[in-house]
Amino acid sequence: MSLIHFYRKPALSSAKKNELLSAAKRSVSGSIEDIETEYCFNVEIAARLNDEETGILRWLLSETFEHDNFSSQSFLVNSSPVMSYPLIVEVGPRLNFSTAWSTNAVSVCHACGLTKVRRIERSRRYGLIIRRGPTSETSTDQEGKNFSLLDPLGLESFPALVHDRMTECVYPHRLTSFETGIAPEPVHIVPLIEEGRKALMKINVEMGLGLDEWDIEYYYNLFVNDIGRDPTNVECFDLGQSNSEHSRHWFFRGRLVIDGKVIPHTLMDIIKAPLKKHPKNSIIAFKDNFSAIQGYEITTIVPETPGLPSRCQEKSILYHAIFTAETHNFPTGVAPFPGAETGTGGRIRDVHATGRG
């Protein structure tokens, strides 16, 4: 499989660009005169696209009728005798998992007959425009355009302004493949029967499972005495996730004993105390993963017959504001496909069916 690239500008609205420019001048370098942006669509295809297929793909990715803003060549080209692009930074999603955006985009492509498309990831490219000087060095990519040079101008801190390190990374070169070159760690047996509890204690430290003495004793007895076999490292990792505070709420809802003295209230009781004393405009609180505050009457469009195909009508409804909601993105890092289902269901429950589902 190979990658083809398409570019669309801009990647930021004027207001967002000006906000980023101010932040870059303030925290990166005062020599930055302007910032130009574009999206890059990295498209993985199983076979070469013909002209008709390429036309459909271009139509899907361009989104608007502004054809001049869409191209198979980058728009970040140095054309000024005074200004230059000494640094072009490209950031995009980490490559070890296909993003939800990619899954949707590929589904749309397949529905349009583009079955050769296997994956699409959208990255963002930032061209920092500064005045030419004796230290303005450039680097070129395969197309001969200036590209990603974290160079002597001291601009290495710029990427931190434009990407989330947890889900994204900097692309030092234009992508030619989605392969990361990282081989998955092989599954292996944790020798509890042979080595005893110390084997579980060792993998607990190595993998950061967060198991305490009680957990280690419990799982040792579970595998050695009850099940009668050794666990795998994958099973141990799963136990660590299942026991996390995210999943079980042990600490917040559990009984606290400090210096041998039982605390009369749990952490959750303490957190709820201010609400109980001053409920004020709270509508829903501590109902699983969301809360809502008093809203107001708004005019909106709703179906005449909810749950069935029907016309929409204008209606005045009291809408309360959802104040917090759990992100539901945690499981996707461990199990992308079932995790995504959990995430979607959780968002529907927390946001669209607040207080009901």
Protein backbone atom coordinates (compact mmCIF):
# COMPACT_ATOMS: atom_id res chain seq x y z
CA MET A 1 0.00 0.00 0.00
CA SER A 2 1.13 3.56 -0.67
CA LEU A 3 0.21 7.07 0.47
CA ILE A 4 -0.99 9.94 -1.66
CA HIS A 5 -1.40 13.48 -0.33
CA PHE A 6 -3.86 16.31 -0.79
CA TYR A 7 -3.78 19.77 0.79
CA ARG A 8 -6.52 22.19 1.77
CA LYS A 9 -6.13 25.67 3.23
CA PRO A 10 -6.56 27.16 5.70
CA ALA A 11 -6.53 24.87 8.73
CA LEU A 12 -7.49 27.71 11.09
CA SER A 13 -10.04 30.50 10.97
CA SER A 14 -8.73 34.06 10.91
CA ALA A 15 -9.57 34.53 14.58
CA LYS A 16 -7.84 31.29 15.61
CA LYS A 17 -4.81 32.12 13.47
CA ASN A 18 -4.44 35.55 15.04
CA GLU A 19 -4.74 33.99 18.49
CA LEU A 20 -2.03 31.46 17.65
CA LEU A 21 0.20 34.14 16.13
CA SER A 22 -0.02 36.24 19.29
CA ALA A 23 0.81 33.22 21.44
CA ALA A 24 3.75 32.27 19.20
CA LYS A 25 5.20 35.78 19.29
CA ARG A 26 4.82 35.89 23.03
CA SER A 27 6.13 32.44 24.00
CA VAL A 28 8.22 31.27 21.01
CA SER A 29 9.84 34.14 19.11
CA GLY A 30 9.09 37.78 18.43
CA SER A 31 10.61 37.39 14.95
CA ILE A 32 7.58 35.45 13.69
CA GLU A 33 5.76 37.77 11.28
CA ASP A 34 2.85 35.53 10.28
CA ILE A 35 1.61 31.94 10.25
CA GLU A 36 0.08 30.19 7.27
CA THR A 37 -1.82 26.93 7.75
CA GLU A 38 -3.14 24.03 5.73
CA TYR A 39 -4.53 20.55 6.17
CA CYS A 40 -2.75 17.57 4.68
CA PHE A 41 -4.83 14.48 3.89
CA ASN A 42 -2.62 11.40 4.03
CA VAL A 43 -4.51 8.76 2.05
CA GLU A 44 -3.48 5.10 2.09
CA ILE A 45 -4.59 3.25 -1.04
CA ALA A 46 -4.40 -0.43 -1.95
CA ALA A 47 -3.93 0.31 -5.67
CA ARG A 48 -3.49 3.28 -7.97
CA LEU A 49 -6.63 5.41 -8.42
CA ASN A 50 -7.89 6.11 -11.91
CA ASP A 51 -8.94 9.61 -12.99
CA GLU A 52 -12.59 9.11 -12.04
CA GLU A 53 -11.72 7.77 -8.59
CA THR A 54 -9.26 10.61 -8.02
CA GLY A 55 -11.96 13.11 -8.96
CA ILE A 56 -14.40 11.63 -6.45
CA LEU A 57 -11.78 11.64 -3.71
CA ARG A 58 -10.85 15.26 -4.43
CA TRP A 59 -14.54 16.21 -4.33
CA LEU A 60 -15.00 14.50 -0.95
CA LEU A 61 -11.91 16.04 0.67
CA SER A 62 -12.29 19.59 -0.67
CA GLU A 63 -15.67 19.91 1.11
CA THR A 64 -16.44 23.33 -0.37
CA PHE A 65 -16.68 24.96 -3.77
CA GLU A 66 -13.42 26.84 -3.16
CA HIS A 67 -11.39 24.75 -5.58
CA ASP A 68 -8.47 27.16 -5.42
CA ASN A 69 -7.96 26.18 -1.78
CA PHE A 70 -7.50 22.47 -2.57
CA SER A 71 -4.51 20.91 -4.31
CA SER A 72 -2.26 17.87 -4.57
CA GLN A 73 0.66 20.24 -3.86
CA SER A 74 1.38 22.08 -0.63
CA PHE A 75 0.33 25.74 -0.42
CA LEU A 76 3.20 26.58 1.93
CA VAL A 77 5.58 27.72 -0.79
CA ASN A 78 8.19 30.39 -0.27
CA SER A 79 7.32 33.20 -2.69
CA SER A 80 8.52 36.37 -0.99
CA PRO A 81 12.00 37.89 -1.44
CA VAL A 82 11.77 39.34 2.08
CA MET A 83 9.95 36.63 4.02
CA SER A 84 10.74 32.93 4.20
CA TYR A 85 9.48 29.67 5.71
CA PRO A 86 12.46 28.58 7.81
CA LEU A 87 10.14 26.27 9.72
CA ILE A 88 7.16 24.21 8.61
CA VAL A 89 5.73 22.10 11.39
CA GLU A 90 3.35 19.25 10.65
CA VAL A 91 1.39 17.63 13.45
CA GLY A 92 -1.19 14.88 13.29
CA PRO A 93 -2.63 11.86 15.04
CA ARG A 94 -0.36 9.14 16.37
CA LEU A 95 -0.12 6.36 13.85
CA ASN A 96 -0.49 3.26 16.02
CA PHE A 97 -4.32 3.49 15.91
CA SER A 98 -6.66 4.62 13.16
CA THR A 99 -8.60 7.66 14.39
CA ALA A 100 -12.38 7.84 14.57
CA TRP A 101 -12.15 10.55 11.88
CA SER A 102 -10.34 8.11 9.62
CA THR A 103 -12.93 5.39 10.20
CA ASN A 104 -15.74 7.74 9.20
CA ALA A 105 -13.85 9.09 6.20
CA VAL A 106 -13.04 5.60 4.89
CA SER A 107 -16.69 4.57 5.33
CA VAL A 108 -17.78 7.55 3.24
CA CYS A 109 -15.19 6.69 0.57
CA HIS A 110 -16.37 3.08 0.38
CA ALA A 111 -19.99 4.23 0.12
CA CYS A 112 -18.90 6.31 -2.89
CA GLY A 113 -17.18 3.33 -4.53
CA LEU A 114 -13.63 4.18 -3.47
CA THR A 115 -12.89 0.70 -2.11
CA LYS A 116 -9.15 1.13 -2.75
CA VAL A 117 -8.94 3.64 0.11
CA ARG A 118 -7.77 1.90 3.28
CA ARG A 119 -7.06 4.75 5.70
CA ILE A 120 -7.07 8.55 5.75
CA GLU A 121 -5.46 10.66 8.44
CA ARG A 122 -5.66 14.45 8.44
CA SER A 123 -2.65 16.39 9.69
CA ARG A 124 -2.14 20.13 10.14
CA ARG A 125 0.80 22.06 8.69
CA TYR A 126 1.99 25.42 10.01
CA GLY A 127 4.35 27.65 8.03
CA LEU A 128 6.08 30.20 10.25
CA ILE A 129 6.92 33.30 8.26
CA ILE A 130 9.89 35.35 9.51
CA ARG A 131 12.19 37.87 7.90
CA ARG A 132 15.21 36.49 6.10
CA GLY A 133 18.43 36.67 8.06
CA PRO A 134 21.88 35.09 8.25
CA THR A 135 20.53 32.15 10.29
CA SER A 136 17.51 31.47 8.07
CA GLU A 137 18.26 27.96 6.92
CA THR A 138 15.83 25.71 5.11
CA SER A 139 15.32 22.06 4.44
CA THR A 140 13.49 20.53 1.51
CA ASP A 141 11.21 17.54 1.17
CA GLN A 142 10.73 15.31 -1.85
CA GLU A 143 8.73 18.01 -3.63
CA GLY A 144 11.45 20.59 -3.09
CA LYS A 145 9.42 22.59 -0.59
CA ASN A 146 10.69 23.83 2.74
CA PHE A 147 9.75 21.33 5.41
CA SER A 148 9.82 20.68 9.15
CA LEU A 149 13.09 22.11 10.36
CA LEU A 150 13.39 22.59 14.10
CA ASP A 151 16.42 24.78 13.64
CA PRO A 152 18.83 27.33 15.14
CA LEU A 153 16.15 30.01 15.38
CA GLY A 154 15.04 28.61 18.72
CA LEU A 155 11.55 27.71 17.55
CA GLU A 156 11.53 24.18 18.98
CA SER A 157 8.80 25.12 21.46
CA PHE A 158 6.24 25.96 18.75
CA PRO A 159 4.78 22.43 18.34
CA ALA A 160 3.62 22.48 21.97
CA LEU A 161 1.19 25.28 21.01
CA VAL A 162 -0.52 23.33 18.24
CA HIS A 163 -0.84 19.69 19.22
CA ASP A 164 -1.95 17.37 22.01
CA ARG A 165 0.98 15.15 22.97
CA MET A 166 -1.34 12.43 24.26
CA THR A 167 -3.11 11.79 20.95
CA GLU A 168 -0.89 13.57 18.39
CA CYS A 169 2.75 13.85 17.42
CA VAL A 170 5.04 15.93 15.23
CA TYR A 171 5.76 14.51 11.78
CA PRO A 172 9.45 15.31 11.13
CA HIS A 173 9.02 14.37 7.46
CA ARG A 174 6.12 14.00 5.10
CA LEU A 175 4.45 10.64 5.74
CA THR A 176 5.20 7.89 3.26
CA SER A 177 3.56 5.13 5.30
CA PHE A 178 1.41 4.63 8.37
CA GLU A 179 3.78 1.94 9.60
CA THR A 180 5.39 2.91 12.91
CA GLY A 181 8.20 0.34 12.78
CA ILE A 182 7.34 -0.67 16.34
CA ALA A 183 6.87 -4.41 16.84
CA PRO A 184 4.17 -5.36 19.37
CA GLU A 185 5.53 -6.87 22.55
CA PRO A 186 5.02 -10.64 22.45
CA VAL A 187 2.62 -12.33 24.86
CA HIS A 188 4.48 -14.21 27.58
CA ILE A 189 3.69 -16.22 30.67
CA VAL A 190 4.17 -14.72 34.15
CA PRO A 191 5.63 -17.66 36.16
CA LEU A 192 3.61 -17.41 39.38
CA ILE A 193 3.59 -21.14 40.06
CA GLU A 194 7.37 -21.39 39.66
CA GLU A 195 8.51 -18.08 41.20
CA GLY A 196 5.65 -17.22 43.56
CA ARG A 197 4.31 -13.78 44.46
CA LYS A 198 7.57 -12.04 43.49
CA ALA A 199 6.81 -12.70 39.80
CA LEU A 200 3.56 -10.75 40.12
CA MET A 201 5.29 -8.02 42.12
CA LYS A 202 7.92 -7.71 39.37
CA ILE A 203 5.46 -7.29 36.50
CA ASN A 204 3.41 -4.93 38.67
CA VAL A 205 6.42 -2.57 38.76
CA GLU A 206 7.45 -3.12 35.12
CA MET A 207 3.99 -2.45 33.68
CA GLY A 208 2.84 0.07 36.28
CA LEU A 209 -0.29 -1.94 37.12
CA GLY A 210 -0.89 -0.19 40.45
CA LEU A 211 -1.65 -3.41 42.35
CA ASP A 212 -1.32 -3.16 46.14
CA GLU A 213 -0.46 -5.97 48.57
CA TRP A 214 -4.08 -7.07 48.84
CA ASP A 215 -4.43 -7.22 45.04
CA ILE A 216 -1.21 -9.21 44.63
CA GLU A 217 -2.25 -11.73 47.27
CA TYR A 218 -5.72 -12.07 45.78
CA TYR A 219 -4.59 -12.59 42.18
CA TYR A 220 -1.81 -14.92 43.22
CA ASN A 221 -4.34 -17.19 44.96
CA LEU A 222 -6.79 -16.81 42.07
CA PHE A 223 -4.37 -18.09 39.42
CA VAL A 224 -2.25 -20.54 41.42
CA ASN A 225 -4.83 -22.09 43.76
CA ASP A 226 -8.21 -21.56 42.08
CA ILE A 227 -7.51 -21.60 38.32
CA GLY A 228 -4.33 -23.64 38.54
CA ARG A 229 -2.25 -21.93 35.85
CA ASP A 230 0.04 -18.96 35.24
CA PRO A 231 -1.41 -15.70 33.84
CA THR A 232 -0.10 -13.94 30.73
CA ASN A 233 1.23 -10.40 30.70
CA VAL A 234 -1.88 -9.40 28.71
CA GLU A 235 -4.15 -10.70 31.48
CA CYS A 236 -2.12 -8.82 34.08
CA PHE A 237 -2.45 -5.62 32.06
CA ASP A 238 -6.20 -6.13 31.85
CA LEU A 239 -6.38 -6.64 35.62
CA GLY A 240 -4.57 -3.35 36.13
CA GLN A 241 -7.11 -1.55 33.92
CA SER A 242 -10.08 -3.24 35.57
CA ASN A 243 -8.85 -2.26 39.01
CA SER A 244 -8.21 1.36 38.09
CA GLU A 245 -9.98 4.15 39.91
CA HIS A 246 -11.61 5.01 36.58
CA SER A 247 -13.42 1.67 36.58
CA ARG A 248 -14.02 0.80 40.22
CA HIS A 249 -14.00 4.02 42.27
CA TRP A 250 -12.42 2.13 45.16
CA PHE A 251 -10.85 5.12 46.84
CA PHE A 252 -13.68 7.59 46.42
CA ARG A 253 -16.43 5.28 47.63
CA GLY A 254 -14.40 3.04 49.93
CA ARG A 255 -13.99 3.23 53.69
CA LEU A 256 -10.97 5.30 54.68
CA VAL A 257 -8.67 4.24 57.51
CA ILE A 258 -5.91 6.74 58.36
CA ASP A 259 -3.39 5.95 61.11
CA GLY A 260 -5.69 3.17 62.34
CA LYS A 261 -8.68 5.49 62.64
CA VAL A 262 -11.79 5.01 60.49
CA ILE A 263 -12.85 8.24 58.78
CA PRO A 264 -16.64 8.72 59.09
CA HIS A 265 -17.07 10.00 55.52
CA THR A 266 -15.86 8.68 52.18
CA LEU A 267 -14.12 10.98 49.71
CA MET A 268 -17.33 10.98 47.65
CA ASP A 269 -19.33 12.11 50.72
CA ILE A 270 -16.87 14.97 51.24
CA ILE A 271 -17.09 16.02 47.59
CA LYS A 272 -20.90 16.02 47.70
CA ALA A 273 -21.09 18.05 50.92
CA PRO A 274 -21.01 21.55 49.32
CA LEU A 275 -23.84 20.63 46.94
CA LYS A 276 -26.00 19.29 49.77
CA LYS A 277 -25.48 22.46 51.74
CA HIS A 278 -25.98 24.90 48.83
CA PRO A 279 -27.89 23.18 45.98
CA LYS A 280 -28.89 26.51 44.37
CA ASN A 281 -29.20 26.13 40.58
CA SER A 282 -28.01 22.53 40.29
CA ILE A 283 -30.46 20.33 38.36
CA ILE A 284 -28.53 17.05 38.17
CA ALA A 285 -25.33 16.23 40.01
CA PHE A 286 -23.35 13.08 40.78
CA LYS A 287 -25.62 10.96 38.59
CA ASP A 288 -22.87 8.78 37.11
CA ASN A 289 -20.79 10.94 34.76
CA PHE A 290 -22.53 14.24 34.23
CA SER A 291 -24.22 17.23 35.82
CA ALA A 292 -26.54 19.98 34.69
CA ILE A 293 -27.31 23.49 35.86
CA GLN A 294 -30.45 25.58 35.49
CA GLY A 295 -30.98 26.67 31.89
CA TYR A 296 -33.58 28.81 30.12
CA GLU A 297 -36.22 28.78 27.39
CA ILE A 298 -34.87 28.53 23.87
CA THR A 299 -36.44 28.20 20.45
CA THR A 300 -35.21 25.17 18.57
CA ILE A 301 -36.22 22.63 15.92
CA VAL A 302 -37.46 19.22 17.08
CA PRO A 303 -39.18 16.26 15.35
CA GLU A 304 -42.98 16.29 15.42
CA THR A 305 -42.92 12.59 16.38
CA PRO A 306 -39.68 11.70 18.23
CA GLY A 307 -38.50 8.17 17.48
CA LEU A 308 -40.22 8.00 14.09
CA PRO A 309 -39.58 9.59 10.67
CA SER A 310 -41.36 12.92 10.81
CA ARG A 311 -41.17 16.56 9.91
CA CYS A 312 -39.36 18.99 12.19
CA GLN A 313 -41.11 21.88 13.85
CA GLU A 314 -40.09 25.01 15.70
CA LYS A 315 -40.73 24.77 19.42
CA SER A 316 -39.93 26.63 22.62
CA ILE A 317 -38.28 24.30 25.16
CA LEU A 318 -36.66 24.68 28.56
CA TYR A 319 -33.05 23.56 28.02
CA HIS A 320 -30.75 22.98 30.98
CA ALA A 321 -27.01 23.32 30.45
CA ILE A 322 -24.92 20.15 30.73
CA PHE A 323 -22.09 21.27 32.93
CA THR A 324 -19.74 18.27 32.84
CA ALA A 325 -19.58 14.95 31.02
CA GLU A 326 -17.04 12.15 31.05
CA THR A 327 -14.89 12.02 27.92
CA HIS A 328 -15.23 8.26 27.29
CA ASN A 329 -11.99 8.16 25.34
CA PHE A 330 -10.06 6.01 27.84
CA PRO A 331 -11.02 2.52 26.59
CA THR A 332 -10.12 3.29 22.98
CA GLY A 333 -6.41 3.38 23.80
CA VAL A 334 -6.49 -0.20 25.08
CA ALA A 335 -9.09 -1.76 22.76
CA PRO A 336 -9.80 0.57 19.82
CA PHE A 337 -12.88 -1.12 18.36
CA PRO A 338 -14.84 -2.26 21.44
CA GLY A 339 -13.49 0.80 23.22
CA ALA A 340 -14.98 3.07 20.58
CA GLU A 341 -18.35 1.39 21.04
CA THR A 342 -18.14 2.00 24.78
CA GLY A 343 -17.16 5.61 24.12
CA THR A 344 -20.05 6.22 21.72
CA GLY A 345 -22.58 4.65 24.08
CA GLY A 346 -21.24 6.63 27.00
CA ARG A 347 -21.46 9.92 25.14
CA ILE A 348 -25.03 9.19 24.09
CA ARG A 349 -25.94 8.33 27.68
CA ASP A 350 -24.11 11.24 29.30
CA VAL A 351 -24.83 14.00 26.79
CA HIS A 352 -27.88 13.12 24.69
CA ALA A 353 -29.79 11.16 27.35
CA THR A 354 -28.69 13.04 30.45
CA GLY A 355 -30.60 11.82 33.49
CA ARG A 356 -32.41 9.09 31.54
CA GLY A 357 -30.08 6.39 30.20
